[in-house]
Structure formats: C-alpha cells, structure tokens
Protein backbone atom coordinates (compact mmCIF):
# COMPACT_ATOMS: atom_id res chain seq x y z
CA MET A 1 -44.93 -33.92 -25.89
CA LYS A 2 -41.67 -33.19 -27.65
CA TYR A 3 -42.28 -29.35 -27.11
CA PHE A 4 -42.61 -30.11 -23.39
CA TYR A 5 -39.08 -31.85 -23.59
CA LEU A 6 -37.76 -29.08 -25.66
CA PHE A 7 -38.78 -26.56 -23.04
CA VAL A 8 -37.50 -28.65 -20.17
CA VAL A 9 -34.05 -28.88 -22.05
CA LEU A 10 -34.08 -25.07 -22.75
CA VAL A 11 -34.94 -24.40 -19.04
CA SER A 12 -32.25 -26.63 -17.68
CA VAL A 13 -29.49 -24.95 -20.09
CA LEU A 14 -30.52 -21.65 -18.85
CA PHE A 15 -30.24 -22.75 -15.26
CA VAL A 16 -26.93 -24.13 -15.71
CA SER A 17 -25.82 -21.06 -17.51
CA CYS A 18 -27.16 -18.81 -14.64
CA LYS A 19 -25.55 -21.06 -12.12
CA ARG A 20 -22.27 -20.91 -13.82
CA ASP A 21 -22.50 -17.02 -14.00
CA ASN A 22 -23.32 -16.85 -10.51
CA ASN A 23 -20.38 -18.67 -9.34
CA ARG A 24 -17.61 -16.77 -11.13
CA VAL A 25 -16.10 -13.11 -11.04
CA VAL A 26 -14.07 -11.52 -13.54
CA VAL A 27 -11.19 -9.26 -12.49
CA TYR A 28 -8.71 -7.30 -14.49
CA THR A 29 -5.42 -6.29 -12.53
CA SER A 30 -2.39 -4.32 -13.16
CA VAL A 31 -0.75 -5.91 -10.14
CA ASP A 32 2.10 -8.55 -10.97
CA GLN A 33 0.57 -11.89 -11.55
CA VAL A 34 3.18 -13.51 -9.29
CA PHE A 35 1.77 -11.57 -6.28
CA SER A 36 -1.98 -11.05 -7.26
CA GLU A 37 -2.66 -14.56 -8.42
CA PRO A 38 -2.08 -16.28 -4.94
CA VAL A 39 -4.54 -13.92 -3.52
CA LEU A 40 -7.01 -14.54 -6.00
CA LYS A 41 -6.63 -18.41 -5.65
CA GLU A 42 -7.12 -17.96 -1.89
CA PHE A 43 -10.36 -16.18 -2.60
CA GLU A 44 -11.46 -19.04 -4.76
CA LYS A 45 -10.52 -21.61 -2.07
CA GLU A 46 -12.47 -19.56 0.64
CA THR A 47 -15.56 -18.81 -1.32
CA GLY A 48 -15.87 -21.43 -4.16
CA ILE A 49 -16.39 -18.66 -6.60
CA LYS A 50 -14.24 -19.19 -9.81
CA VAL A 51 -12.06 -16.06 -10.60
CA GLU A 52 -11.27 -15.22 -14.12
CA ALA A 53 -8.35 -12.84 -14.16
CA LEU A 54 -6.84 -10.85 -16.86
CA TYR A 55 -3.26 -9.68 -15.98
CA ASP A 56 -1.32 -6.79 -17.41
CA THR A 57 2.10 -7.35 -19.09
CA GLU A 58 5.00 -5.75 -17.18
CA GLU A 59 5.88 -3.39 -20.20
CA ALA A 60 2.32 -2.14 -20.63
CA LYS A 61 1.77 -1.96 -16.90
CA SER A 62 -1.56 -0.45 -15.85
CA THR A 63 -2.41 0.99 -19.41
CA GLY A 64 -3.36 -2.54 -21.18
CA VAL A 65 -6.29 -3.59 -18.78
CA LEU A 66 -7.18 0.13 -18.25
CA ASN A 67 -7.66 0.59 -21.91
CA ARG A 68 -9.49 -2.55 -22.37
CA ILE A 69 -11.96 -1.58 -19.78
CA ILE A 70 -12.46 1.77 -21.61
CA ALA A 71 -13.02 -0.18 -24.99
CA GLU A 72 -15.55 -2.46 -23.30
CA LYS A 73 -17.67 0.25 -21.77
CA ASP A 74 -20.82 -0.70 -23.68
CA ASN A 75 -20.45 -4.15 -23.09
CA PRO A 76 -18.53 -4.67 -19.56
CA ARG A 77 -16.96 -7.98 -19.25
CA CYS A 78 -15.11 -7.62 -16.02
CA ASP A 79 -16.55 -7.02 -12.60
CA VAL A 80 -13.62 -5.75 -10.61
CA PHE A 81 -10.49 -3.63 -11.57
CA TRP A 82 -7.63 -4.16 -9.09
CA SER A 83 -5.19 -1.44 -9.85
CA GLY A 84 -1.57 -1.16 -8.39
CA ASP A 85 -2.37 2.61 -7.80
CA PRO A 86 -5.44 4.81 -7.28
CA VAL A 87 -4.87 6.97 -10.36
CA ARG A 88 -6.26 4.43 -13.04
CA VAL A 89 -9.40 3.72 -10.94
CA ILE A 90 -10.02 7.45 -10.62
CA VAL A 91 -9.61 7.91 -14.51
CA LEU A 92 -12.37 5.11 -14.81
CA LYS A 93 -14.55 6.92 -12.34
CA ASN A 94 -14.28 10.18 -14.20
CA ARG A 95 -15.39 8.38 -17.38
CA GLY A 96 -18.44 6.95 -15.55
CA LEU A 97 -17.07 3.36 -15.89
CA THR A 98 -17.40 2.46 -12.19
CA GLN A 99 -20.09 2.27 -9.60
CA PRO A 100 -19.99 3.07 -5.78
CA TYR A 101 -19.54 0.42 -3.25
CA LEU A 102 -18.84 0.82 0.54
CA SER A 103 -17.30 -2.27 1.81
CA PRO A 104 -17.41 -3.15 5.33
CA GLU A 105 -13.91 -4.17 5.24
CA ALA A 106 -13.02 -0.31 4.31
CA LYS A 107 -14.04 0.87 7.90
CA ASP A 108 -10.67 1.22 9.39
CA ILE A 109 -8.80 2.25 6.23
CA PRO A 110 -7.66 6.03 6.50
CA GLU A 111 -10.00 8.35 4.57
CA VAL A 112 -7.12 9.71 2.44
CA PHE A 113 -6.84 6.33 0.88
CA LYS A 114 -10.66 6.09 -0.09
CA ASP A 115 -12.92 7.87 -2.40
CA SER A 116 -15.38 9.99 -0.56
CA SER A 117 -18.37 8.82 -2.76
CA HIS A 118 -17.04 5.00 -2.51
CA TYR A 119 -16.10 4.75 -6.04
CA TRP A 120 -12.82 3.12 -5.00
CA THR A 121 -10.89 2.07 -1.92
CA GLY A 122 -7.31 1.73 -1.45
CA PHE A 123 -5.29 -1.02 0.53
CA SER A 124 -1.76 -2.30 0.87
CA ALA A 125 0.61 0.49 -0.20
CA ARG A 126 3.91 0.63 -1.89
CA ALA A 127 6.13 3.75 -2.17
CA ARG A 128 8.49 4.99 -4.85
CA VAL A 129 12.04 4.48 -3.35
CA ILE A 130 15.76 5.22 -4.63
CA ILE A 131 17.60 2.06 -5.20
CA TYR A 132 21.35 1.96 -5.52
CA ASN A 133 24.30 -0.16 -5.96
CA LYS A 134 26.52 -0.13 -2.91
CA LYS A 135 29.66 -0.94 -4.79
CA LEU A 136 29.26 2.22 -6.88
CA LEU A 137 27.66 4.47 -4.42
CA ASN A 138 28.13 4.90 -0.71
CA GLY A 139 28.07 7.38 2.01
CA SER A 140 27.33 10.98 1.03
CA ASP A 141 27.44 9.72 -2.65
CA VAL A 142 24.12 8.22 -2.31
CA PRO A 143 21.20 10.44 -3.54
CA THR A 144 18.60 11.07 -0.93
CA SER A 145 16.15 13.15 -3.23
CA VAL A 146 14.62 12.53 -6.46
CA PHE A 147 15.94 15.96 -7.46
CA ASP A 148 19.65 14.79 -6.89
CA PHE A 149 19.37 12.84 -10.12
CA THR A 150 19.71 16.00 -12.04
CA LYS A 151 23.25 16.70 -10.59
CA GLU A 152 26.34 16.50 -12.84
CA LYS A 153 27.78 13.56 -10.53
CA TYR A 154 24.85 11.20 -11.56
CA LYS A 155 25.14 11.89 -15.12
CA GLY A 156 24.33 8.68 -17.05
CA LYS A 157 23.98 6.81 -13.78
CA VAL A 158 20.42 7.06 -13.08
CA ALA A 159 17.63 4.62 -14.37
CA ILE A 160 13.88 5.16 -14.39
CA ALA A 161 11.21 3.22 -16.14
CA ASN A 162 9.35 4.37 -19.20
CA PRO A 163 7.05 7.17 -17.88
CA LEU A 164 4.49 6.47 -20.35
CA PHE A 165 3.46 3.32 -18.29
CA GLY A 166 3.11 2.09 -14.75
CA THR A 167 3.70 3.57 -11.54
CA THR A 168 6.35 5.87 -13.21
CA THR A 169 3.47 7.67 -15.00
CA PHE A 170 1.77 8.01 -11.67
CA HIS A 171 4.98 9.42 -10.12
CA ILE A 172 5.33 12.09 -12.92
CA ALA A 173 1.67 12.97 -12.84
CA ALA A 174 2.23 13.60 -8.96
CA LEU A 175 5.22 15.79 -9.67
CA PHE A 176 3.34 17.89 -12.06
CA THR A 177 0.52 18.20 -9.52
CA VAL A 178 2.68 19.32 -6.73
CA LEU A 179 5.27 21.21 -8.56
CA GLY A 180 3.34 22.64 -11.24
CA ASN A 181 3.63 22.20 -15.00
CA GLU A 182 6.59 24.48 -15.52
CA LYS A 183 9.04 23.19 -12.59
CA ALA A 184 7.94 19.67 -13.44
CA MET A 185 8.72 20.08 -17.14
CA GLN A 186 12.15 21.60 -16.20
CA TYR A 187 12.89 18.69 -13.99
CA LEU A 188 12.16 16.21 -16.85
CA ASN A 189 14.32 18.15 -19.23
CA ASP A 190 17.11 18.32 -16.48
CA LEU A 191 16.90 14.66 -16.31
CA LYS A 192 17.35 14.29 -20.13
CA ARG A 193 20.33 16.69 -20.10
CA ASN A 194 21.86 14.39 -17.43
CA ASP A 195 21.53 11.29 -19.61
CA VAL A 196 18.84 9.38 -17.63
CA ILE A 197 18.54 5.75 -18.54
CA ILE A 198 14.96 4.81 -19.58
CA THR A 199 14.08 1.30 -19.11
CA THR A 200 11.17 -0.98 -19.99
CA SER A 201 9.92 -1.36 -16.41
CA ASN A 202 10.59 -0.94 -12.69
CA GLY A 203 11.79 -4.65 -12.73
CA ASP A 204 14.21 -3.62 -15.46
CA VAL A 205 15.48 -0.61 -13.24
CA LYS A 206 16.07 -3.14 -10.43
CA ASN A 207 17.96 -5.54 -12.80
CA LYS A 208 20.35 -2.77 -14.10
CA VAL A 209 21.17 -1.44 -10.57
CA LEU A 210 21.84 -5.15 -9.52
CA LYS A 211 24.23 -5.65 -12.43
CA GLY A 212 25.93 -2.29 -11.80
CA GLU A 213 24.56 -1.04 -15.37
CA ALA A 214 23.16 1.94 -13.45
CA ALA A 215 24.31 3.15 -10.12
CA CYS A 216 20.79 4.12 -8.82
CA GLY A 217 17.25 4.52 -9.89
CA LEU A 218 13.68 4.85 -9.05
CA THR A 219 11.44 1.91 -8.45
CA ASP A 220 8.68 0.61 -6.10
CA THR A 221 9.21 -0.95 -2.81
CA ASP A 222 8.32 -4.41 -3.87
CA ASP A 223 11.08 -4.40 -6.77
CA ALA A 224 13.62 -2.84 -4.17
CA PHE A 225 12.71 -5.40 -1.62
CA GLU A 226 13.39 -8.31 -4.06
CA ALA A 227 16.77 -6.50 -5.09
CA VAL A 228 17.84 -6.43 -1.49
CA LYS A 229 16.90 -10.34 -1.02
CA GLU A 230 18.83 -11.02 -4.15
CA SER A 231 22.09 -9.27 -3.48
CA ASN A 232 23.88 -7.65 -0.53
CA ASP A 233 25.29 -5.11 -3.02
CA VAL A 234 21.94 -3.29 -3.27
CA ALA A 235 20.13 -1.02 -0.75
CA TYR A 236 17.17 1.38 -1.03
CA LEU A 237 15.96 4.39 0.68
CA PHE A 238 12.70 6.60 0.91
CA PRO A 239 13.53 9.73 -0.94
CA ASP A 240 13.08 13.40 0.25
CA GLN A 241 12.77 12.59 3.82
CA TYR A 242 14.88 15.44 5.02
CA ASN A 243 13.53 18.25 2.71
CA GLY A 244 10.03 17.86 3.63
CA PHE A 245 8.99 17.07 -0.02
CA GLY A 246 8.17 13.53 1.02
CA CYS A 247 8.10 10.16 -0.76
CA LEU A 248 5.11 9.07 -3.05
CA ILE A 249 2.96 6.50 -1.41
CA MET A 250 0.98 4.29 -3.65
CA PRO A 251 -1.99 2.24 -2.34
CA ASN A 252 -3.47 -0.60 -4.46
CA ALA A 253 -7.03 0.33 -5.39
CA VAL A 254 -10.05 -1.61 -6.22
CA CYS A 255 -13.41 -0.59 -7.89
CA LEU A 256 -16.49 -2.12 -9.14
CA ILE A 257 -17.08 -1.71 -12.88
CA ASN A 258 -20.41 -0.18 -13.95
CA GLY A 259 -22.72 -2.70 -15.58
CA SER A 260 -20.78 -5.45 -14.05
CA PRO A 261 -22.09 -8.96 -15.10
CA ASN A 262 -21.55 -10.29 -11.66
CA THR A 263 -22.02 -7.63 -9.09
CA VAL A 264 -22.75 -9.57 -6.30
CA ASN A 265 -19.56 -11.65 -6.63
CA GLY A 266 -17.57 -8.57 -7.46
CA LYS A 267 -18.52 -7.01 -4.12
CA LYS A 268 -17.47 -10.36 -2.27
CA LEU A 269 -14.08 -10.17 -4.13
CA ILE A 270 -13.63 -6.36 -3.08
CA ASP A 271 -14.40 -7.32 0.53
CA PHE A 272 -11.88 -9.91 0.37
CA LEU A 273 -9.23 -7.87 -1.22
CA LEU A 274 -9.63 -5.09 1.55
CA SER A 275 -9.44 -7.58 4.29
CA ARG A 276 -6.44 -7.66 6.90
CA LYS A 277 -5.58 -11.22 5.47
CA VAL A 278 -4.76 -9.94 2.14
CA GLU A 279 -2.83 -7.22 3.41
CA LYS A 280 -0.86 -9.67 5.47
CA MET A 281 -0.40 -11.96 2.33
CA LEU A 282 0.93 -9.01 0.38
CA ALA A 283 3.23 -7.76 3.00
CA LYS A 284 4.77 -11.17 3.14
CA SER A 285 5.00 -11.81 -0.67
CA CYS A 286 6.04 -8.17 -1.89
CA ALA A 287 6.89 -6.07 1.10
CA GLN A 288 3.46 -4.04 0.95
CA MET A 289 2.55 -1.90 3.81
CA PRO A 290 -0.84 -2.40 5.27
CA LEU A 291 -3.33 0.35 5.71
CA HIS A 292 -5.16 -1.35 8.44
CA LYS A 293 -3.71 -0.82 11.76
CA GLY A 294 -2.27 -3.82 13.73
CA VAL A 295 -1.66 -6.11 10.79
CA GLN A 296 1.15 -8.35 11.56
CA VAL A 297 3.97 -8.19 8.99
CA PRO A 298 7.28 -9.93 8.48
CA LYS A 299 10.45 -8.25 9.95
CA GLY A 300 11.98 -5.36 7.72
CA ILE A 301 8.62 -4.26 6.26
CA PRO A 302 8.48 -0.35 6.87
CA GLN A 303 5.51 1.12 8.49
CA LEU A 304 3.67 4.03 6.82
CA ASP A 305 3.65 5.97 10.12
CA ASN A 306 7.59 6.45 9.82
CA ILE A 307 7.49 7.66 6.36
CA ILE A 308 7.22 11.43 5.39
CA PRO A 309 4.61 11.15 2.41
CA MET A 310 4.51 13.45 -0.47
CA LYS A 311 1.36 15.63 -0.31
CA VAL A 312 -0.41 14.72 -3.44
CA ASP A 313 -4.00 14.76 -4.37
CA TYR A 314 -4.82 11.50 -6.04
CA ASN A 315 -7.89 13.13 -7.92
CA LYS A 316 -5.86 15.98 -9.24
CA ALA A 317 -2.91 13.55 -10.17
CA ALA A 318 -5.38 11.26 -12.18
CA GLY A 319 -6.58 14.27 -14.24
CA LYS A 320 -3.20 15.53 -14.76
CA LEU A 321 -2.00 11.89 -15.91
CA GLU A 322 -4.47 12.06 -18.85
CA LYS A 323 -3.30 15.63 -19.68
CA ILE A 324 0.50 15.10 -20.04
CA GLN A 325 0.39 11.83 -21.85
CA LYS A 326 1.35 13.64 -25.35
CA THR A 327 3.93 15.64 -23.56
CA LEU A 328 5.45 12.54 -21.96
CA LYS A 329 5.33 10.61 -25.28
CA LYS A 330 7.13 13.45 -27.07
CA TRP A 331 9.72 13.56 -24.12
CA VAL A 332 10.42 9.82 -24.43
CA GLU A 333 10.57 10.10 -28.26
CA GLN A 334 13.27 12.80 -28.11
CA LEU A 335 15.68 11.06 -25.79
C-alpha cells in the first residue's frame, strides 16, 4: 500500500510540474525593460501565462542575451528572443538556433521585414536619427547626413554609442554592407580623426546632447523622442533624406528558439508581440513606427511611408556584423 501512495505522490508532483511548465514562457529581450516589460505584463494579463523575462543591460545591449542563447544551445532555457533589431535573430538563425514559425499576425507585415522561411518576423520599427542641441546648432549648421560628421566644423562635437554594442553595431554593419569594406572603414577612420565622442549607449548620446556636452549625435528614435519631450533645446531629423542614401530602419524582430522548452506558449507570445495592439502600445510608449497599416498612433509619431530608407539587406548585414567585430574592437581601442 505504501508503494501505491508513493506512486500517487510522484504522479501528483509530475502533474504539478508539467502544469507549471505549461503555464509559463521564457523570453530573452534586448529591448529596454521600461518599454518591453509593460507589453509582457499585458500578455500575462490576457492569457494567464506566466512570463519569465531576461533583460539586457544598456551597456551590453543586444550582445548579452544573444551570447547567452548561443551558450545555452545544447540546453535551451528560453522560448522566445525579442530583439531590438533583425540582425541578432539572423545571427541565431545562421547558427541553427531558431525554428521557423509563421504567425497569423504576420500576414499584413511587409515582406521586407520578414524572413522568407519564417525564422523571424519584424514589427514596430525604430530609425537611426541625428539628434542635435538647438542652442549649439541651427539652420544650415545642422548636419543632415551621417557623412557630415566627418567635416571639420563638427570636430569634437559628435557623439555616437560604442559600436561594439546595440544598434550602433547594426548601423556600422549596414554601412559596411552598403558602402563596401574600404569606404566604410575610411568613414570610421575619418570619424576618429574628427575626434568623435564614444559613449556607453544611445541613451548616453541623448544625455550628452541634452547637456550640451555634444552638439549632435546618432541615436534611435525612441531616445530622440524622449529627449524632445525632456527639453525644447533638442530636436532630431532623419538623415540622408536629400542625397538618396536613406535612413536606417530597424524593426524589432522576434523568433522561436530551437528546442524551446515551451514551444506552444512561445508561439502564443510571438502572436501577441506581432499584434496591432502591441504596435500601438510601443508607438505610445517609445515612438516606434507600426509595420501594420492603419494602427492609430499618437500625434508626432512619424510614418514609415514618409521616410526614405537605407537600402540594406538585413541578412548581409548580419553576416557582416560577425565579420567586423575584431575590426570594430581594434578601432575602439585605438581611439
């Protein structure tokens, strides 16, 4: 009889454990916690599924959770990776660490923002913009191209985030893809000769421009939008709209991890992230631009249709990102 009771206890423990596992989902994200956490909390509220989230740090943006997923490849612990750009999910795809999933919510998202084999899907885009202090720059003095930063009159006045991390890495990889290695490297060296200011993060670029410690800089639309709300002395613009080169557009991207412990719930979370509701939330909280047509957004949020984009292949940029890491590290160390 005691063995029967022991069997019942063991079955009960296993049942509770399975039930717990079936009611959870693990997501790693490089998106700022202040913006991503409310979205994940809303998913919990709507579905009753417990979300366990691992957030990246500001300084190691995108690289921390990416490297952790790679390190856990033989024993995956997360189900979904929510990246602030498509390059990192492509890196994981190329390493065989993701599995395809075609979400019904992806139907109306433009093809350019989706993987053709459904290994990742983009949503809610940001853009790389020039932020500037109006007390230090105005009129024709305001740079309108990222290539203006190498001009003598901006010497020591331009700030960019450390190119080893976050969206700055993506931006540099995109420039290498579009310009070619030689011209892109020349651009980096010209920035160095012009005493470019390297900061710890895009948020730090914003703060330096706000304080007047830099006249202008490169950051993302969410940081620029926050800066404009904080001070009337700051403005931003989309670069390279007059020379045809275009502005880098960076959609969020989400993927399902290969060997995911909770694949069913992972798919439910992906469906939620790709929904119009989430795009509306992100437009309101951090000025992100919806990829679905017809999503209502607050006044002042730019529309993708009104921006000339940089013509960059995300897959090529992902490959380039991995290849130029040593070059970028050496460039940073020699500043």
